[in-house]
Structure formats: structure tokens, C-alpha cells
Amino acid sequence: MLYRFHSRATAPFVMLEIHARQMFSIIGKAPEQKGVITIEQMPAAIAALEAAMASEHENAHNDDKYAVEAHADDAERMHVGIRQRATPLLHMLKDSLADGKNVTWDV
């Protein structure tokens, strides 16, 4: 299943269900078939995504088992982390907050 994220402030984007559920968990939203992140909720959602990105970055540098460069397996070196997955949503939230527009999603 695909989740489509929309805002009148930015272009839409699509995310696989497994990754969208991870983003919903980070920002404290239920992974429903349709939903909204209101302007009032955006500062907390932005802060939560940035904290998750920072936490992943700190763990990658403090513990070799998380460091992408330390993996011998090519697939592990090409690992896509929270930072890459969250970036489209983070940009959408920031742009939408600046323009005063809600972010919605549907499947």
C-alpha cells in the first residue's frame, strides 16, 4: 500500500506503507487511511522528526554496528535511514507551516 502526502504549499509525494508507518510513529499519528497534520501540530511533528534524525546520526557515529561505512555487505552500505526517509515529509511540514497550510495523506 502507498501513502500519498499532500499540501497546498508543496508538491505531493508517495511513501511505502512500512516507511509511512515509521514516520507516523515518530510524529505521534495513527496510520489511518486518511489523516491530517494541522498547522498547530506541525511544530511538534517537525521537532520529533528532527530529533529522530539526530538520534540516528548520533548512534551511527557512537556504535560501529550502526555505522553504514562499517558494513561489509553492499546492501547494508546502501542502507536508507530515517534521515533519507523523513526528509520529504520534513520539508513538506516546514513549507506548509510557513504558508499556513495543512498536510494531509491518503492511501
Protein backbone atom coordinates (compact mmCIF):
# COMPACT_ATOMS: atom_id res chain seq x y z
CA MET A 1 0.00 0.00 0.00
CA LEU A 2 1.16 3.54 -0.74
CA TYR A 3 0.53 6.67 1.30
CA ARG A 4 0.19 9.93 -0.63
CA PHE A 5 1.08 13.12 1.22
CA HIS A 6 -0.43 16.42 0.06
CA SER A 7 -0.17 20.09 0.88
CA ARG A 8 -1.19 23.21 -0.99
CA ALA A 9 2.26 24.59 -0.16
CA THR A 10 4.34 21.87 -1.88
CA ALA A 11 4.30 19.11 -4.44
CA PRO A 12 2.81 15.80 -3.27
CA PHE A 13 4.89 12.69 -2.68
CA VAL A 14 4.31 8.98 -2.15
CA MET A 15 5.73 6.72 0.54
CA LEU A 16 5.54 2.96 1.03
CA GLU A 17 3.30 1.87 3.90
CA ILE A 18 6.11 0.46 6.04
CA HIS A 19 8.04 3.74 5.87
CA ALA A 20 4.96 5.94 6.32
CA ARG A 21 4.06 3.95 9.45
CA GLN A 22 7.53 4.69 10.82
CA MET A 23 7.02 8.42 10.17
CA PHE A 24 3.56 8.32 11.77
CA SER A 25 5.03 6.63 14.82
CA ILE A 26 7.72 9.31 15.12
CA ILE A 27 5.27 12.21 14.87
CA GLY A 28 2.61 10.55 17.05
CA LYS A 29 -0.07 9.98 14.42
CA ALA A 30 -2.14 6.86 13.84
CA PRO A 31 -1.51 5.22 10.44
CA GLU A 32 -5.07 5.68 9.23
CA GLN A 33 -6.15 5.59 5.60
CA LYS A 34 -6.73 9.34 5.66
CA GLY A 35 -5.42 11.97 8.01
CA VAL A 36 -4.22 15.46 8.60
CA ILE A 37 -1.36 17.22 10.32
CA THR A 38 -2.73 20.62 11.27
CA ILE A 39 -0.73 23.82 11.41
CA GLU A 40 -0.91 23.64 15.20
CA GLN A 41 0.58 20.10 15.20
CA MET A 42 3.41 20.88 12.78
CA PRO A 43 5.98 22.36 15.20
CA ALA A 44 5.84 19.21 17.36
CA ALA A 45 5.96 16.94 14.29
CA ILE A 46 8.96 18.83 12.90
CA ALA A 47 10.75 18.63 16.24
CA ALA A 48 10.03 14.89 16.52
CA LEU A 49 11.38 14.17 13.03
CA GLU A 50 14.48 16.26 13.63
CA ALA A 51 15.09 14.51 16.97
CA ALA A 52 14.76 11.08 15.34
CA MET A 53 17.19 12.10 12.61
CA ALA A 54 19.68 13.42 15.15
CA SER A 55 19.36 10.28 17.27
CA GLU A 56 20.04 8.04 14.28
CA HIS A 57 23.06 10.19 13.35
CA GLU A 58 24.48 10.01 16.90
CA ASN A 59 24.04 6.24 17.07
CA ALA A 60 25.76 5.81 13.70
CA HIS A 61 28.85 7.54 14.99
CA ASN A 62 28.96 6.10 18.50
CA ASP A 63 28.34 2.43 17.80
CA ASP A 64 30.05 0.55 14.95
CA LYS A 65 27.11 -1.78 14.39
CA TYR A 66 25.08 1.22 13.14
CA ALA A 67 27.80 2.82 11.07
CA VAL A 68 26.95 2.29 7.42
CA GLU A 69 30.61 2.51 6.43
CA ALA A 70 31.49 -0.42 8.72
CA HIS A 71 29.31 -2.94 6.88
CA ALA A 72 30.95 -5.41 4.54
CA ASP A 73 27.68 -6.19 2.77
CA ASP A 74 26.93 -3.89 -0.20
CA ALA A 75 23.23 -3.83 0.66
CA GLU A 76 24.00 -2.62 4.18
CA ARG A 77 26.28 0.13 2.91
CA MET A 78 23.38 1.38 0.79
CA HIS A 79 21.04 1.40 3.81
CA VAL A 80 18.43 4.13 3.70
CA GLY A 81 17.92 5.58 7.15
CA ILE A 82 15.43 7.81 8.88
CA ARG A 83 17.19 10.93 7.62
CA GLN A 84 16.57 10.00 3.97
CA ARG A 85 13.05 8.71 4.58
CA ALA A 86 11.92 11.65 6.71
CA THR A 87 13.35 14.43 4.55
CA PRO A 88 10.40 14.76 2.12
CA LEU A 89 7.90 14.91 5.00
CA LEU A 90 10.08 17.29 6.98
CA HIS A 91 10.37 19.68 4.02
CA MET A 92 6.63 19.46 3.39
CA LEU A 93 5.88 20.23 7.04
CA LYS A 94 8.25 23.20 7.15
CA ASP A 95 6.97 24.68 3.88
CA SER A 96 3.35 24.08 4.88
CA LEU A 97 3.86 25.69 8.27
CA ALA A 98 5.43 28.73 6.63
CA ASP A 99 2.47 29.00 4.21
CA GLY A 100 -0.18 28.19 6.82
CA LYS A 101 -1.43 25.06 5.01
CA ASN A 102 -2.34 21.68 6.49
CA VAL A 103 -0.64 18.44 5.39
CA THR A 104 -2.96 15.58 4.53
CA TRP A 105 -2.46 11.98 3.49
CA ASP A 106 -4.48 9.19 1.95
CA VAL A 107 -3.93 5.72 0.56
